[in-house]
C-alpha atoms as a PDB file:
ATOM      1  CA  GLN A   1      24.291  18.655  24.862  1.00  0.00           C
ATOM      2  CA  MET A   2      26.820  20.853  23.075  1.00  0.00           C
ATOM      3  CA  GLN A   3      28.786  19.805  20.073  1.00  0.00           C
ATOM      4  CA  LEU A   4      32.435  20.986  19.688  1.00  0.00           C
ATOM      5  CA  VAL A   5      34.103  20.649  16.364  1.00  0.00           C
ATOM      6  CA  GLU A   6      37.809  21.363  15.938  1.00  0.00           C
ATOM      7  CA  SER A   7      39.710  22.233  12.735  1.00  0.00           C
ATOM      8  CA  GLY A   8      43.189  23.653  11.826  1.00  0.00           C
ATOM      9  CA  GLY A   9      45.469  20.724  12.555  1.00  0.00           C
ATOM     10  CA  GLY A  10      48.138  19.627  10.255  1.00  0.00           C
ATOM     11  CA  LEU A  11      51.774  19.121   9.603  1.00  0.00           C
ATOM     12  CA  VAL A  12      54.283  21.904  10.258  1.00  0.00           C
ATOM     13  CA  GLN A  13      58.048  22.404  10.564  1.00  0.00           C
ATOM     14  CA  PRO A  14      59.674  23.205  13.842  1.00  0.00           C
ATOM     15  CA  GLY A  15      59.376  26.934  14.576  1.00  0.00           C
ATOM     16  CA  GLY A  16      56.267  27.203  12.491  1.00  0.00           C
ATOM     17  CA  SER A  17      52.730  28.209  13.463  1.00  0.00           C
ATOM     18  CA  LEU A  18      49.223  26.762  13.330  1.00  0.00           C
ATOM     19  CA  ARG A  19      45.839  28.049  14.522  1.00  0.00           C
ATOM     20  CA  LEU A  20      43.256  25.635  15.898  1.00  0.00           C
ATOM     21  CA  SER A  21      39.612  26.588  15.865  1.00  0.00           C
ATOM     22  CA  CYS A  22      36.767  25.147  17.795  1.00  0.00           C
ATOM     23  CA  ALA A  23      33.065  25.710  16.866  1.00  0.00           C
ATOM     24  CA  ALA A  24      30.398  25.309  19.342  1.00  0.00           C
ATOM     25  CA  SER A  25      26.768  24.506  18.769  1.00  0.00           C
ATOM     26  CA  ARG A  26      25.256  26.040  21.872  1.00  0.00           C
ATOM     27  CA  ASN A  27      24.004  29.637  21.855  1.00  0.00           C
ATOM     28  CA  THR A  28      24.968  29.901  25.699  1.00  0.00           C
ATOM     29  CA  PHE A  29      28.698  29.292  24.662  1.00  0.00           C
ATOM     30  CA  SER A  30      29.770  32.511  26.428  1.00  0.00           C
ATOM     31  CA  ILE A  31      29.180  31.082  29.749  1.00  0.00           C
ATOM     32  CA  TYR A  32      31.539  28.090  29.506  1.00  0.00           C
ATOM     33  CA  TYR A  33      35.223  27.796  30.202  1.00  0.00           C
ATOM     34  CA  ILE A  34      37.047  26.555  27.268  1.00  0.00           C
ATOM     35  CA  GLY A  35      39.943  24.296  27.638  1.00  0.00           C
ATOM     36  CA  TRP A  36      42.405  23.080  24.978  1.00  0.00           C
ATOM     37  CA  PHE A  37      44.003  19.711  25.748  1.00  0.00           C
ATOM     38  CA  ARG A  38      46.400  17.495  23.950  1.00  0.00           C
ATOM     39  CA  GLN A  39      47.433  13.859  24.067  1.00  0.00           C
ATOM     40  CA  ALA A  40      50.626  12.522  22.455  1.00  0.00           C
ATOM     41  CA  PRO A  41      51.146   8.812  21.904  1.00  0.00           C
ATOM     42  CA  GLY A  42      51.833   6.904  25.127  1.00  0.00           C
ATOM     43  CA  LYS A  43      51.155   9.923  27.286  1.00  0.00           C
ATOM     44  CA  GLN A  44      48.318  11.319  29.371  1.00  0.00           C
ATOM     45  CA  ARG A  45      46.066  13.972  28.141  1.00  0.00           C
ATOM     46  CA  GLU A  46      47.117  17.339  29.363  1.00  0.00           C
ATOM     47  CA  LEU A  47      45.532  20.739  29.585  1.00  0.00           C
ATOM     48  CA  VAL A  48      47.671  23.152  27.713  1.00  0.00           C
ATOM     49  CA  ALA A  49      45.433  26.286  27.858  1.00  0.00           C
ATOM     50  CA  GLU A  50      42.274  27.406  29.302  1.00  0.00           C
ATOM     51  CA  LEU A  51      40.002  30.623  28.987  1.00  0.00           C
ATOM     52  CA  THR A  52      37.401  31.418  31.451  1.00  0.00           C
ATOM     53  CA  SER A  53      33.984  32.964  30.654  1.00  0.00           C
ATOM     54  CA  ASP A  54      35.322  36.291  31.917  1.00  0.00           C
ATOM     55  CA  GLY A  55      38.391  36.243  29.924  1.00  0.00           C
ATOM     56  CA  LYS A  56      41.070  34.872  32.316  1.00  0.00           C
ATOM     57  CA  THR A  57      43.694  32.529  30.771  1.00  0.00           C
ATOM     58  CA  ASN A  58      45.855  29.770  32.187  1.00  0.00           C
ATOM     59  CA  TYR A  59      48.674  27.994  30.273  1.00  0.00           C
ATOM     60  CA  ALA A  60      50.740  25.003  30.898  1.00  0.00           C
ATOM     61  CA  ASP A  61      54.371  25.933  31.391  1.00  0.00           C
ATOM     62  CA  SER A  62      55.567  24.042  28.412  1.00  0.00           C
ATOM     63  CA  VAL A  63      53.465  26.453  25.999  1.00  0.00           C
ATOM     64  CA  LYS A  64      53.566  29.799  27.867  1.00  0.00           C
ATOM     65  CA  GLY A  65      54.746  32.476  25.577  1.00  0.00           C
ATOM     66  CA  ARG A  66      53.994  30.522  22.458  1.00  0.00           C
ATOM     67  CA  PHE A  67      50.359  29.506  22.607  1.00  0.00           C
ATOM     68  CA  THR A  68      47.443  31.882  22.949  1.00  0.00           C
ATOM     69  CA  VAL A  69      43.872  31.054  23.526  1.00  0.00           C
ATOM     70  CA  SER A  70      40.927  33.331  22.529  1.00  0.00           C
ATOM     71  CA  ARG A  71      37.271  33.128  21.935  1.00  0.00           C
ATOM     72  CA  ASP A  72      34.568  34.981  19.852  1.00  0.00           C
ATOM     73  CA  ASN A  73      31.321  34.566  21.677  1.00  0.00           C
ATOM     74  CA  ALA A  74      29.299  36.207  19.034  1.00  0.00           C
ATOM     75  CA  GLU A  75      30.518  33.506  16.502  1.00  0.00           C
ATOM     76  CA  LYS A  76      30.451  30.869  19.219  1.00  0.00           C
ATOM     77  CA  THR A  77      34.154  29.831  18.493  1.00  0.00           C
ATOM     78  CA  ALA A  78      37.405  29.517  20.312  1.00  0.00           C
ATOM     79  CA  SER A  79      40.910  29.420  18.870  1.00  0.00           C
ATOM     80  CA  LEU A  80      44.437  28.285  19.958  1.00  0.00           C
ATOM     81  CA  GLN A  81      47.191  30.166  18.294  1.00  0.00           C
ATOM     82  CA  MET A  82      50.329  28.095  18.384  1.00  0.00           C
ATOM     83  CA  ASN A  83      53.676  29.698  17.596  1.00  0.00           C
ATOM     84  CA  ASN A  84      57.276  28.520  17.607  1.00  0.00           C
ATOM     85  CA  LEU A  85      56.080  24.878  17.380  1.00  0.00           C
ATOM     86  CA  LYS A  86      58.352  22.238  18.637  1.00  0.00           C
ATOM     87  CA  PRO A  87      58.525  18.396  17.889  1.00  0.00           C
ATOM     88  CA  GLU A  88      57.302  17.890  21.444  1.00  0.00           C
ATOM     89  CA  ASP A  89      54.111  19.695  20.619  1.00  0.00           C
ATOM     90  CA  THR A  90      53.072  16.851  18.388  1.00  0.00           C
ATOM     91  CA  ALA A  91      49.782  15.500  19.750  1.00  0.00           C
ATOM     92  CA  VAL A  92      46.071  15.184  19.076  1.00  0.00           C
ATOM     93  CA  TYR A  93      44.608  18.569  20.288  1.00  0.00           C
ATOM     94  CA  TYR A  94      40.997  18.506  21.673  1.00  0.00           C
ATOM     95  CA  CYS A  95      38.788  21.635  22.653  1.00  0.00           C
ATOM     96  CA  ALA A  96      36.442  21.039  25.715  1.00  0.00           C
ATOM     97  CA  ALA A  97      34.011  22.938  27.661  1.00  0.00           C
ATOM     98  CA  ARG A  98      32.793  23.210  31.228  1.00  0.00           C
ATOM     99  CA  LEU A  99      30.395  25.383  33.056  1.00  0.00           C
ATOM    100  CA  GLY A 100      32.820  26.774  35.543  1.00  0.00           C
ATOM    101  CA  ARG A 101      35.775  26.163  37.932  1.00  0.00           C
ATOM    102  CA  LEU A 102      33.819  23.598  39.996  1.00  0.00           C
ATOM    103  CA  TYR A 103      32.827  21.527  36.971  1.00  0.00           C
ATOM    104  CA  THR A 104      34.330  18.978  35.031  1.00  0.00           C
ATOM    105  CA  TYR A 105      35.046  19.139  31.248  1.00  0.00           C
ATOM    106  CA  ASP A 106      31.854  17.490  29.956  1.00  0.00           C
ATOM    107  CA  TYR A 107      31.889  18.485  26.360  1.00  0.00           C
ATOM    108  CA  TRP A 108      34.629  17.378  24.047  1.00  0.00           C
ATOM    109  CA  GLY A 109      35.490  17.819  20.361  1.00  0.00           C
ATOM    110  CA  GLN A 110      36.709  14.854  18.237  1.00  0.00           C
ATOM    111  CA  GLY A 111      40.337  16.013  18.001  1.00  0.00           C
ATOM    112  CA  THR A 112      42.649  17.388  15.440  1.00  0.00           C
ATOM    113  CA  GLN A 113      46.147  16.026  14.739  1.00  0.00           C
ATOM    114  CA  VAL A 114      49.090  18.388  14.966  1.00  0.00           C
ATOM    115  CA  THR A 115      52.322  17.069  13.827  1.00  0.00           C
ATOM    116  CA  VAL A 116      55.638  19.178  14.081  1.00  0.00           C
ATOM    117  CA  SER A 117      58.345  17.622  12.069  1.00  0.00           C
ATOM    118  CA  PRO A 118      61.172  18.775   9.707  1.00  0.00           C
END
């Protein structure tokens, strides 16, 4: 079992930036794909960014050019840098991990609230 703990959420004005972090408990963290998901009230959870174990990234169209996902395997952490935030980015953000492309996301953090408002 791997625990994931997010931090870094908060309230920010439109156009502002936030950096979310995800700390993992497992020493084999480097072999996992990391996904950042979000869920807004009344909406389905969506994948906004993914980073594979070999460094490939994938972003939702709505965040391309504004969000950047990264990882530090030595520290067992992943980050989501969010720039030029918009009110529609308001959601609870979750980090998650899976063993690879053919696996489901089995490990989830508790979520952190991001609110973008004037």
